[in-house]
Amino acid sequence: MFHQAAPCKSEESPEKKTGIEFCDLLIALTNSMRSPLCLPEHFIAVDWSGYPSQEYHILRASLICDGRSIPLLSRLVSSAKQNNLLIQKAFLDELHRRVNPKAKVILITDAGFQSAWFRHIKSLGWDFIGRIRGTVQFCLLHDDERWLKITDVRGKASPEYPGAGWLVRAEYARCSGHFYLHKRETRGRKNQRSRGRLSSP
């Protein structure tokens, strides 16, 4: 049903162009989402990955389908600008413009994406699932005067749902969502990190 697209040809080298976009299957894939046979929700994973040259990293969006990931949109970015908020927002906007507006999209991201990323996803009308860790603060709605760090809580082997709340203490940067606690098996590692997941309401 779908065919692998070849990379777009560009006359500019990576040194002359910070971001390089590749041809993708977004239009065909998202148009097919209108079919009643498709799932009601469409999961798209967005992450940063390495590149053969250490000077660059790739920001990529992939459709999760039947246990596989189908690349939708990729951008080659200078390593100096990895995790750059403006680049990430522009990437989201481009993805949003190409996706069928009738499709219900849930973005999945790993640790490294911050509250501003989640808020921008919500502004586009999409939902999200993201992993958070470290010293970022959050509070739960049923105890909104108590702000905790992810390192203050301990997850269990089975996911636990403490409730809805706010991510980030500063009001201008806050993002609402639902929190889930989960701890992966250590697999021989001595240091255990507290991990949490935030999903949009």
N, C-alpha and C. Protein backbone atom coordinates (compact mmCIF):
# COMPACT_ATOMS: atom_id res chain seq x y z
N MET A 1 0.83 -1.21 0.00
CA MET A 1 0.00 0.00 0.00
C MET A 1 0.87 1.25 0.00
N PHE A 2 1.94 1.24 0.77
CA PHE A 2 2.83 2.39 0.84
C PHE A 2 4.17 2.03 0.22
N HIS A 3 4.83 3.04 -0.29
CA HIS A 3 6.12 2.83 -0.94
C HIS A 3 7.17 3.69 -0.27
N GLN A 4 8.38 3.17 -0.21
CA GLN A 4 9.48 3.92 0.38
C GLN A 4 9.86 5.07 -0.53
N ALA A 5 9.91 6.27 0.02
CA ALA A 5 10.26 7.45 -0.78
C ALA A 5 11.76 7.64 -0.78
N ALA A 6 12.27 8.07 -1.91
CA ALA A 6 13.70 8.37 -2.01
C ALA A 6 13.97 9.76 -1.48
N PRO A 7 15.17 10.02 -0.94
CA PRO A 7 15.49 11.35 -0.44
C PRO A 7 15.39 12.40 -1.53
N CYS A 8 14.90 13.57 -1.15
CA CYS A 8 14.85 14.69 -2.09
C CYS A 8 16.27 15.13 -2.43
N LYS A 9 16.49 15.51 -3.63
CA LYS A 9 17.79 16.02 -4.02
C LYS A 9 17.89 17.49 -3.64
N SER A 10 19.01 17.85 -3.10
CA SER A 10 19.23 19.23 -2.69
C SER A 10 20.51 19.74 -3.32
N GLU A 11 20.47 20.94 -3.85
CA GLU A 11 21.66 21.53 -4.45
C GLU A 11 22.60 22.09 -3.40
N GLU A 12 22.07 22.23 -2.17
CA GLU A 12 22.89 22.80 -1.11
C GLU A 12 23.47 21.69 -0.25
N SER A 13 24.71 21.83 0.15
CA SER A 13 25.36 20.86 1.02
C SER A 13 24.92 21.12 2.45
N PRO A 14 25.11 20.14 3.38
CA PRO A 14 24.76 20.35 4.78
C PRO A 14 25.45 21.56 5.37
N GLU A 15 26.66 21.87 4.88
CA GLU A 15 27.37 23.02 5.44
C GLU A 15 26.68 24.33 5.11
N LYS A 16 25.93 24.36 3.98
CA LYS A 16 25.28 25.60 3.56
C LYS A 16 23.85 25.68 4.06
N LYS A 17 23.32 24.55 4.54
CA LYS A 17 21.93 24.54 4.96
C LYS A 17 21.81 23.79 6.27
N THR A 18 21.34 24.48 7.32
CA THR A 18 21.28 23.86 8.63
C THR A 18 20.34 22.67 8.65
N GLY A 19 19.15 22.80 8.06
CA GLY A 19 18.19 21.71 8.05
C GLY A 19 17.95 21.22 6.65
N ILE A 20 17.97 19.93 6.47
CA ILE A 20 17.66 19.34 5.17
C ILE A 20 16.44 18.45 5.32
N GLU A 21 15.39 18.75 4.57
CA GLU A 21 14.18 17.93 4.63
C GLU A 21 14.23 16.88 3.54
N PHE A 22 13.70 15.71 3.86
CA PHE A 22 13.67 14.61 2.91
C PHE A 22 12.24 14.34 2.49
N CYS A 23 12.10 13.76 1.28
CA CYS A 23 10.77 13.36 0.84
C CYS A 23 10.22 12.35 1.83
N ASP A 24 8.91 12.32 2.00
CA ASP A 24 8.30 11.43 2.97
C ASP A 24 6.96 10.96 2.45
N LEU A 25 6.32 10.13 3.23
CA LEU A 25 5.04 9.56 2.84
C LEU A 25 3.89 10.19 3.61
N LEU A 26 4.09 11.36 4.16
CA LEU A 26 3.08 11.97 5.03
C LEU A 26 1.73 12.13 4.36
N ILE A 27 1.71 12.69 3.17
CA ILE A 27 0.43 12.96 2.52
C ILE A 27 -0.32 11.67 2.27
N ALA A 28 0.35 10.67 1.70
CA ALA A 28 -0.31 9.40 1.42
C ALA A 28 -0.75 8.70 2.70
N LEU A 29 0.11 8.71 3.70
CA LEU A 29 -0.21 8.01 4.94
C LEU A 29 -1.36 8.67 5.67
N THR A 30 -1.31 9.98 5.83
CA THR A 30 -2.34 10.65 6.60
C THR A 30 -3.66 10.73 5.86
N ASN A 31 -3.63 10.77 4.53
CA ASN A 31 -4.88 10.71 3.79
C ASN A 31 -5.56 9.36 3.98
N SER A 32 -4.76 8.30 4.08
CA SER A 32 -5.33 6.97 4.28
C SER A 32 -5.93 6.82 5.67
N MET A 33 -5.58 7.73 6.60
CA MET A 33 -6.12 7.65 7.95
C MET A 33 -7.62 7.93 7.98
N ARG A 34 -8.16 8.46 6.90
CA ARG A 34 -9.59 8.74 6.86
C ARG A 34 -10.41 7.45 6.77
N SER A 35 -9.77 6.38 6.36
CA SER A 35 -10.48 5.11 6.20
C SER A 35 -11.02 4.63 7.53
N PRO A 36 -12.27 4.15 7.59
CA PRO A 36 -12.82 3.64 8.84
C PRO A 36 -12.11 2.39 9.32
N LEU A 37 -11.31 1.76 8.44
CA LEU A 37 -10.59 0.56 8.83
C LEU A 37 -9.35 0.89 9.65
N CYS A 38 -8.94 2.15 9.63
CA CYS A 38 -7.75 2.56 10.36
C CYS A 38 -8.05 2.70 11.85
N LEU A 39 -6.99 2.68 12.65
CA LEU A 39 -7.15 2.87 14.08
C LEU A 39 -7.62 4.29 14.36
N PRO A 40 -8.39 4.49 15.46
CA PRO A 40 -8.89 5.83 15.77
C PRO A 40 -7.79 6.78 16.21
N GLU A 41 -6.66 6.27 16.66
CA GLU A 41 -5.56 7.10 17.11
C GLU A 41 -4.29 6.71 16.37
N HIS A 42 -3.47 7.70 16.06
CA HIS A 42 -2.25 7.46 15.29
C HIS A 42 -1.06 7.96 16.10
N PHE A 43 -0.15 7.06 16.40
CA PHE A 43 1.00 7.38 17.23
C PHE A 43 2.21 7.71 16.35
N ILE A 44 2.78 8.88 16.61
CA ILE A 44 3.97 9.33 15.88
C ILE A 44 5.09 9.57 16.89
N ALA A 45 6.20 8.88 16.71
CA ALA A 45 7.35 9.05 17.59
C ALA A 45 8.30 10.09 17.01
N VAL A 46 8.75 11.01 17.85
CA VAL A 46 9.71 12.03 17.43
C VAL A 46 10.94 11.92 18.31
N ASP A 47 12.11 11.84 17.71
CA ASP A 47 13.33 11.76 18.51
C ASP A 47 14.54 12.27 17.74
N TRP A 48 15.58 12.52 18.50
CA TRP A 48 16.87 12.89 17.93
C TRP A 48 17.72 11.63 17.82
N SER A 49 18.46 11.50 16.75
CA SER A 49 19.35 10.35 16.59
C SER A 49 20.67 10.80 15.98
N GLY A 50 21.67 9.93 16.09
CA GLY A 50 22.99 10.27 15.60
C GLY A 50 23.07 10.22 14.08
N TYR A 51 24.20 10.69 13.57
CA TYR A 51 24.45 10.75 12.14
C TYR A 51 25.89 10.28 11.93
N PRO A 52 26.20 9.68 10.77
CA PRO A 52 27.58 9.22 10.55
C PRO A 52 28.64 10.27 10.85
N SER A 53 28.34 11.52 10.56
CA SER A 53 29.25 12.60 10.90
C SER A 53 28.83 13.19 12.24
N GLN A 54 29.77 13.35 13.16
CA GLN A 54 29.46 13.89 14.48
C GLN A 54 29.03 15.35 14.42
N GLU A 55 29.18 15.97 13.28
CA GLU A 55 28.81 17.38 13.16
C GLU A 55 27.30 17.56 13.06
N TYR A 56 26.57 16.47 12.85
CA TYR A 56 25.13 16.59 12.63
C TYR A 56 24.35 15.56 13.44
N HIS A 57 23.08 15.89 13.70
CA HIS A 57 22.12 14.97 14.29
C HIS A 57 20.84 15.02 13.44
N ILE A 58 20.03 14.00 13.55
CA ILE A 58 18.79 13.94 12.79
C ILE A 58 17.59 14.04 13.73
N LEU A 59 16.68 14.93 13.41
CA LEU A 59 15.40 15.03 14.10
C LEU A 59 14.37 14.34 13.20
N ARG A 60 13.75 13.29 13.70
CA ARG A 60 12.90 12.46 12.84
C ARG A 60 11.55 12.17 13.48
N ALA A 61 10.51 12.15 12.65
CA ALA A 61 9.17 11.74 13.07
C ALA A 61 8.83 10.45 12.33
N SER A 62 8.34 9.45 13.08
CA SER A 62 8.02 8.15 12.48
C SER A 62 6.65 7.69 12.94
N LEU A 63 5.88 7.15 12.03
CA LEU A 63 4.57 6.60 12.35
C LEU A 63 4.75 5.19 12.92
N ILE A 64 4.18 4.95 14.10
CA ILE A 64 4.25 3.63 14.73
C ILE A 64 3.09 2.80 14.20
N CYS A 65 3.40 1.73 13.50
CA CYS A 65 2.37 0.93 12.85
C CYS A 65 2.72 -0.55 12.92
N ASP A 66 1.87 -1.34 13.58
CA ASP A 66 2.04 -2.79 13.63
C ASP A 66 3.43 -3.17 14.14
N GLY A 67 3.87 -2.48 15.19
CA GLY A 67 5.16 -2.79 15.79
C GLY A 67 6.36 -2.26 15.03
N ARG A 68 6.13 -1.52 13.97
CA ARG A 68 7.22 -0.95 13.18
C ARG A 68 7.11 0.57 13.16
N SER A 69 8.21 1.20 12.81
CA SER A 69 8.21 2.66 12.67
C SER A 69 8.47 3.02 11.22
N ILE A 70 7.58 3.83 10.65
CA ILE A 70 7.69 4.26 9.26
C ILE A 70 8.12 5.72 9.24
N PRO A 71 9.32 6.04 8.76
CA PRO A 71 9.78 7.43 8.75
C PRO A 71 8.82 8.33 7.97
N LEU A 72 8.48 9.45 8.57
CA LEU A 72 7.58 10.41 7.93
C LEU A 72 8.31 11.68 7.50
N LEU A 73 9.10 12.22 8.42
CA LEU A 73 9.76 13.50 8.15
C LEU A 73 11.09 13.53 8.90
N SER A 74 12.14 13.96 8.23
CA SER A 74 13.47 14.03 8.86
C SER A 74 14.11 15.38 8.57
N ARG A 75 14.91 15.82 9.52
CA ARG A 75 15.65 17.08 9.32
C ARG A 75 17.07 16.88 9.86
N LEU A 76 18.04 17.22 9.03
CA LEU A 76 19.44 17.14 9.42
C LEU A 76 19.84 18.47 10.05
N VAL A 77 20.34 18.41 11.28
CA VAL A 77 20.61 19.62 12.05
C VAL A 77 22.05 19.59 12.57
N SER A 78 22.67 20.73 12.58
CA SER A 78 24.01 20.84 13.16
C SER A 78 23.97 20.38 14.62
N SER A 79 24.97 19.61 15.04
CA SER A 79 25.00 19.10 16.41
C SER A 79 24.98 20.22 17.44
N ALA A 80 25.49 21.38 17.06
CA ALA A 80 25.49 22.52 17.96
C ALA A 80 24.08 23.00 18.26
N LYS A 81 23.13 22.65 17.39
CA LYS A 81 21.74 23.09 17.58
C LYS A 81 20.81 21.94 17.94
N GLN A 82 21.38 20.83 18.38
CA GLN A 82 20.54 19.72 18.83
C GLN A 82 19.72 20.17 20.04
N ASN A 83 18.46 19.77 20.09
CA ASN A 83 17.52 20.15 21.16
C ASN A 83 17.18 21.63 21.15
N ASN A 84 17.47 22.32 20.05
CA ASN A 84 17.11 23.73 19.94
C ASN A 84 15.60 23.87 19.85
N LEU A 85 15.03 24.69 20.73
CA LEU A 85 13.57 24.80 20.83
C LEU A 85 12.95 25.35 19.55
N LEU A 86 13.57 26.34 18.94
CA LEU A 86 13.02 26.93 17.72
C LEU A 86 13.00 25.91 16.58
N ILE A 87 14.07 25.13 16.47
CA ILE A 87 14.12 24.11 15.43
C ILE A 87 13.06 23.04 15.67
N GLN A 88 12.89 22.66 16.92
CA GLN A 88 11.89 21.64 17.25
C GLN A 88 10.48 22.13 16.98
N LYS A 89 10.20 23.39 17.30
CA LYS A 89 8.87 23.95 17.03
C LYS A 89 8.61 24.04 15.54
N ALA A 90 9.61 24.48 14.78
CA ALA A 90 9.45 24.57 13.32
C ALA A 90 9.21 23.18 12.73
N PHE A 91 9.88 22.18 13.27
CA PHE A 91 9.70 20.80 12.81
C PHE A 91 8.26 20.34 13.10
N LEU A 92 7.77 20.65 14.29
CA LEU A 92 6.39 20.30 14.65
C LEU A 92 5.40 20.97 13.73
N ASP A 93 5.62 22.25 13.45
CA ASP A 93 4.71 23.00 12.58
C ASP A 93 4.68 22.39 11.18
N GLU A 94 5.84 22.00 10.67
CA GLU A 94 5.91 21.39 9.34
C GLU A 94 5.17 20.04 9.34
N LEU A 95 5.35 19.27 10.38
CA LEU A 95 4.66 17.99 10.50
C LEU A 95 3.15 18.20 10.55
N HIS A 96 2.74 19.20 11.30
CA HIS A 96 1.31 19.49 11.46
C HIS A 96 0.68 19.93 10.14
N ARG A 97 1.41 20.70 9.35
CA ARG A 97 0.88 21.17 8.07
C ARG A 97 0.66 20.02 7.09
N ARG A 98 1.44 18.97 7.21
CA ARG A 98 1.37 17.88 6.26
C ARG A 98 0.44 16.74 6.68
N VAL A 99 0.10 16.70 7.94
CA VAL A 99 -0.76 15.61 8.43
C VAL A 99 -2.23 15.94 8.19
N ASN A 100 -2.97 14.95 7.80
CA ASN A 100 -4.41 15.10 7.61
C ASN A 100 -5.04 15.71 8.86
N PRO A 101 -5.69 16.87 8.76
CA PRO A 101 -6.25 17.54 9.94
C PRO A 101 -7.33 16.72 10.65
N LYS A 102 -7.90 15.72 9.97
CA LYS A 102 -8.93 14.89 10.59
C LYS A 102 -8.33 13.76 11.42
N ALA A 103 -7.04 13.54 11.31
CA ALA A 103 -6.40 12.44 12.03
C ALA A 103 -6.18 12.82 13.49
N LYS A 104 -6.45 11.90 14.40
CA LYS A 104 -6.16 12.10 15.82
C LYS A 104 -4.75 11.61 16.07
N VAL A 105 -3.87 12.53 16.42
CA VAL A 105 -2.45 12.22 16.53
C VAL A 105 -1.99 12.28 17.99
N ILE A 106 -1.19 11.30 18.38
CA ILE A 106 -0.55 11.28 19.69
C ILE A 106 0.96 11.19 19.46
N LEU A 107 1.68 12.22 19.88
CA LEU A 107 3.14 12.22 19.72
C LEU A 107 3.81 11.55 20.91
N ILE A 108 4.81 10.73 20.63
CA ILE A 108 5.56 10.04 21.68
C ILE A 108 7.00 10.54 21.63
N THR A 109 7.50 11.02 22.78
CA THR A 109 8.87 11.50 22.83
C THR A 109 9.58 10.95 24.06
N ASP A 110 10.88 10.81 23.95
CA ASP A 110 11.69 10.32 25.06
C ASP A 110 12.15 11.51 25.89
N ALA A 111 12.93 11.22 26.94
CA ALA A 111 13.45 12.29 27.78
C ALA A 111 14.33 13.22 26.94
N GLY A 112 14.35 14.48 27.30
CA GLY A 112 15.13 15.46 26.54
C GLY A 112 14.26 16.57 26.00
N PHE A 113 12.99 16.28 25.77
CA PHE A 113 12.05 17.30 25.33
C PHE A 113 11.42 17.94 26.57
N GLN A 114 11.32 19.27 26.57
CA GLN A 114 10.90 19.99 27.75
C GLN A 114 9.44 20.43 27.69
N SER A 115 9.02 21.15 28.74
CA SER A 115 7.62 21.57 28.86
C SER A 115 7.16 22.40 27.67
N ALA A 116 8.02 23.28 27.15
CA ALA A 116 7.63 24.11 26.01
C ALA A 116 7.27 23.26 24.79
N TRP A 117 7.94 22.14 24.63
CA TRP A 117 7.64 21.20 23.54
C TRP A 117 6.23 20.64 23.71
N PHE A 118 5.91 20.20 24.94
CA PHE A 118 4.58 19.65 25.20
C PHE A 118 3.49 20.70 24.99
N ARG A 119 3.75 21.92 25.44
CA ARG A 119 2.76 22.98 25.28
C ARG A 119 2.52 23.29 23.81
N HIS A 120 3.56 23.23 23.00
CA HIS A 120 3.39 23.50 21.57
C HIS A 120 2.59 22.38 20.91
N ILE A 121 2.81 21.16 21.33
CA ILE A 121 2.02 20.04 20.80
C ILE A 121 0.54 20.27 21.08
N LYS A 122 0.22 20.68 22.30
CA LYS A 122 -1.17 20.92 22.68
C LYS A 122 -1.77 22.07 21.88
N SER A 123 -0.96 23.09 21.58
CA SER A 123 -1.47 24.23 20.82
C SER A 123 -1.85 23.84 19.40
N LEU A 124 -1.29 22.73 18.92
CA LEU A 124 -1.61 22.24 17.58
C LEU A 124 -2.82 21.31 17.58
N GLY A 125 -3.35 21.05 18.77
CA GLY A 125 -4.53 20.19 18.86
C GLY A 125 -4.22 18.72 18.95
N TRP A 126 -2.96 18.38 19.20
CA TRP A 126 -2.55 16.98 19.32
C TRP A 126 -2.35 16.61 20.79
N ASP A 127 -2.29 15.31 21.05
CA ASP A 127 -1.98 14.80 22.38
C ASP A 127 -0.54 14.30 22.39
N PHE A 128 -0.03 13.96 23.58
CA PHE A 128 1.36 13.52 23.66
C PHE A 128 1.57 12.55 24.82
N ILE A 129 2.65 11.80 24.71
CA ILE A 129 3.17 10.98 25.80
C ILE A 129 4.67 11.22 25.82
N GLY A 130 5.20 11.66 26.96
CA GLY A 130 6.62 11.98 27.03
C GLY A 130 7.23 11.50 28.33
N ARG A 131 8.52 11.22 28.31
CA ARG A 131 9.23 10.77 29.50
C ARG A 131 9.99 11.95 30.11
N ILE A 132 9.90 12.08 31.40
CA ILE A 132 10.60 13.17 32.10
C ILE A 132 11.43 12.57 33.22
N ARG A 133 12.53 13.23 33.54
CA ARG A 133 13.39 12.74 34.61
C ARG A 133 14.27 13.87 35.10
N GLY A 134 15.03 13.59 36.15
CA GLY A 134 15.95 14.59 36.65
C GLY A 134 15.33 15.50 37.69
N THR A 135 15.68 16.78 37.64
CA THR A 135 15.27 17.73 38.68
C THR A 135 14.06 18.56 38.29
N VAL A 136 13.42 18.27 37.16
CA VAL A 136 12.24 19.04 36.77
C VAL A 136 11.16 18.87 37.84
N GLN A 137 10.42 19.94 38.12
CA GLN A 137 9.41 19.92 39.17
C GLN A 137 8.01 19.71 38.61
N PHE A 138 7.15 19.12 39.45
CA PHE A 138 5.75 18.92 39.07
C PHE A 138 4.90 18.93 40.33
N CYS A 139 3.61 19.14 40.17
CA CYS A 139 2.68 19.04 41.29
C CYS A 139 1.41 18.37 40.79
N LEU A 140 0.68 17.75 41.71
CA LEU A 140 -0.58 17.10 41.39
C LEU A 140 -1.74 18.01 41.78
N LEU A 141 -2.83 17.95 41.05
CA LEU A 141 -3.95 18.85 41.29
C LEU A 141 -4.55 18.67 42.67
N HIS A 142 -4.52 17.46 43.21
CA HIS A 142 -5.12 17.24 44.53
C HIS A 142 -4.21 17.73 45.66
N ASP A 143 -3.00 18.17 45.31
CA ASP A 143 -2.07 18.71 46.31
C ASP A 143 -1.21 19.77 45.63
N ASP A 144 -1.90 20.82 45.11
CA ASP A 144 -1.22 21.79 44.24
C ASP A 144 -0.28 22.75 44.95
N GLU A 145 -0.15 22.65 46.27
CA GLU A 145 0.81 23.48 46.98
C GLU A 145 2.15 22.77 47.16
N ARG A 146 2.17 21.51 46.83
CA ARG A 146 3.37 20.70 47.04
C ARG A 146 4.04 20.40 45.71
N TRP A 147 5.20 21.00 45.50
CA TRP A 147 5.95 20.77 44.27
C TRP A 147 7.07 19.77 44.53
N LEU A 148 7.16 18.77 43.67
CA LEU A 148 8.14 17.71 43.82
C LEU A 148 9.06 17.65 42.61
N LYS A 149 10.20 17.05 42.80
CA LYS A 149 11.10 16.74 41.70
C LYS A 149 10.91 15.27 41.33
N ILE A 150 11.18 14.96 40.08
CA ILE A 150 11.07 13.56 39.65
C ILE A 150 11.95 12.68 40.52
N THR A 151 13.08 13.20 40.96
CA THR A 151 13.99 12.42 41.80
C THR A 151 13.44 12.21 43.20
N ASP A 152 12.36 12.92 43.57
CA ASP A 152 11.76 12.76 44.90
C ASP A 152 10.79 11.58 44.96
N VAL A 153 10.42 11.03 43.83
CA VAL A 153 9.45 9.94 43.81
C VAL A 153 10.10 8.69 43.24
N ARG A 154 9.58 7.55 43.62
CA ARG A 154 10.12 6.29 43.14
C ARG A 154 9.05 5.50 42.40
N GLY A 155 9.38 5.11 41.20
CA GLY A 155 8.46 4.31 40.43
C GLY A 155 8.58 2.84 40.78
N LYS A 156 7.63 2.07 40.33
CA LYS A 156 7.62 0.63 40.55
C LYS A 156 7.69 -0.09 39.21
N ALA A 157 7.85 -1.40 39.29
CA ALA A 157 7.94 -2.18 38.06
C ALA A 157 6.67 -2.07 37.24
N SER A 158 5.54 -1.95 37.94
CA SER A 158 4.25 -1.77 37.26
C SER A 158 3.91 -0.28 37.24
N PRO A 159 3.44 0.25 36.11
CA PRO A 159 3.09 1.67 36.03
C PRO A 159 2.08 2.07 37.10
N GLU A 160 2.26 3.24 37.66
CA GLU A 160 1.37 3.76 38.70
C GLU A 160 0.87 5.14 38.27
N TYR A 161 -0.41 5.41 38.49
CA TYR A 161 -1.00 6.69 38.10
C TYR A 161 -1.30 7.52 39.34
N PRO A 162 -0.45 8.50 39.67
CA PRO A 162 -0.70 9.36 40.83
C PRO A 162 -1.76 10.42 40.58
N GLY A 163 -2.01 10.78 39.31
CA GLY A 163 -3.06 11.74 39.01
C GLY A 163 -2.64 12.80 38.00
N ALA A 164 -3.55 13.75 37.78
CA ALA A 164 -3.29 14.86 36.87
C ALA A 164 -2.58 15.98 37.61
N GLY A 165 -1.88 16.83 36.86
CA GLY A 165 -1.18 17.91 37.52
C GLY A 165 -0.49 18.84 36.54
N TRP A 166 0.52 19.56 37.07
CA TRP A 166 1.26 20.55 36.29
C TRP A 166 2.73 20.17 36.24
N LEU A 167 3.33 20.38 35.08
CA LEU A 167 4.77 20.19 34.91
C LEU A 167 5.43 21.56 34.84
N VAL A 168 6.49 21.76 35.60
CA VAL A 168 7.27 23.01 35.68
C VAL A 168 6.57 24.02 36.60
N ARG A 169 7.32 24.52 37.55
CA ARG A 169 6.76 25.43 38.56
C ARG A 169 6.48 26.83 38.02
N ALA A 170 7.34 27.35 37.16
CA ALA A 170 7.15 28.70 36.62
C ALA A 170 5.85 28.75 35.82
N GLU A 171 4.98 29.71 36.14
CA GLU A 171 3.66 29.77 35.52
C GLU A 171 3.72 29.93 34.01
N TYR A 172 4.68 30.71 33.51
CA TYR A 172 4.74 30.96 32.06
C TYR A 172 5.12 29.71 31.28
N ALA A 173 5.71 28.73 31.96
CA ALA A 173 6.19 27.53 31.26
C ALA A 173 5.41 26.27 31.62
N ARG A 174 4.38 26.39 32.43
CA ARG A 174 3.66 25.21 32.89
C ARG A 174 2.90 24.50 31.78
N CYS A 175 2.78 23.19 31.96
CA CYS A 175 2.01 22.37 31.03
C CYS A 175 1.20 21.36 31.85
N SER A 176 -0.08 21.28 31.57
CA SER A 176 -0.93 20.34 32.30
C SER A 176 -0.91 18.97 31.64
N GLY A 177 -1.15 17.95 32.43
CA GLY A 177 -1.17 16.60 31.88
C GLY A 177 -1.42 15.57 32.97
N HIS A 178 -1.30 14.32 32.61
CA HIS A 178 -1.47 13.21 33.55
C HIS A 178 -0.12 12.54 33.76
N PHE A 179 0.19 12.23 35.01
CA PHE A 179 1.48 11.66 35.35
C PHE A 179 1.38 10.16 35.63
N TYR A 180 2.39 9.45 35.17
CA TYR A 180 2.49 8.01 35.42
C TYR A 180 3.91 7.72 35.89
N LEU A 181 4.04 6.91 36.93
CA LEU A 181 5.35 6.54 37.44
C LEU A 181 5.69 5.13 37.00
N HIS A 182 6.94 4.95 36.61
CA HIS A 182 7.36 3.62 36.16
C HIS A 182 8.87 3.52 36.28
N LYS A 183 9.36 2.37 36.71
CA LYS A 183 10.79 2.15 36.84
C LYS A 183 11.18 0.93 36.02
N ARG A 184 12.13 1.10 35.13
CA ARG A 184 12.61 -0.01 34.34
C ARG A 184 13.52 -0.91 35.17
N GLU A 185 13.66 -2.15 34.72
CA GLU A 185 14.60 -3.05 35.37
C GLU A 185 16.01 -2.52 35.16
N THR A 186 16.83 -2.66 36.18
CA THR A 186 18.18 -2.09 36.12
C THR A 186 19.09 -2.83 35.14
N ARG A 187 18.85 -4.12 34.93
CA ARG A 187 19.67 -4.92 34.00
C ARG A 187 21.16 -4.80 34.31
N GLY A 188 21.47 -4.90 35.59
CA GLY A 188 22.88 -4.93 35.98
C GLY A 188 23.47 -3.58 36.30
N ARG A 189 22.76 -2.50 36.00
CA ARG A 189 23.31 -1.17 36.29
C ARG A 189 23.12 -0.86 37.77
N LYS A 190 24.12 -0.23 38.37
CA LYS A 190 24.07 0.06 39.79
C LYS A 190 23.19 1.26 40.10
N ASN A 191 23.26 2.28 39.28
CA ASN A 191 22.51 3.50 39.54
C ASN A 191 21.10 3.38 39.00
N GLN A 192 20.12 3.71 39.84
CA GLN A 192 18.73 3.67 39.43
C GLN A 192 18.20 5.09 39.36
N ARG A 193 17.62 5.42 38.24
CA ARG A 193 17.08 6.76 38.06
C ARG A 193 15.56 6.73 38.16
N SER A 194 15.02 7.74 38.82
CA SER A 194 13.57 7.85 38.88
C SER A 194 13.07 8.37 37.54
N ARG A 195 12.03 7.78 37.05
CA ARG A 195 11.49 8.17 35.76
C ARG A 195 10.00 8.43 35.90
N GLY A 196 9.50 9.32 35.11
CA GLY A 196 8.07 9.58 35.09
C GLY A 196 7.62 9.83 33.67
N ARG A 197 6.35 9.69 33.46
CA ARG A 197 5.79 9.96 32.14
C ARG A 197 4.66 10.96 32.29
N LEU A 198 4.58 11.84 31.32
CA LEU A 198 3.53 12.84 31.29
C LEU A 198 2.76 12.67 30.01
N SER A 199 1.44 12.64 30.13
CA SER A 199 0.60 12.58 28.93
C SER A 199 -0.39 13.71 28.99
N SER A 200 -0.82 14.18 27.84
CA SER A 200 -1.75 15.30 27.79
C SER A 200 -3.11 14.87 28.27
N PRO A 201 -3.90 15.83 28.80
CA PRO A 201 -5.23 15.50 29.34
C PRO A 201 -6.12 14.93 28.27
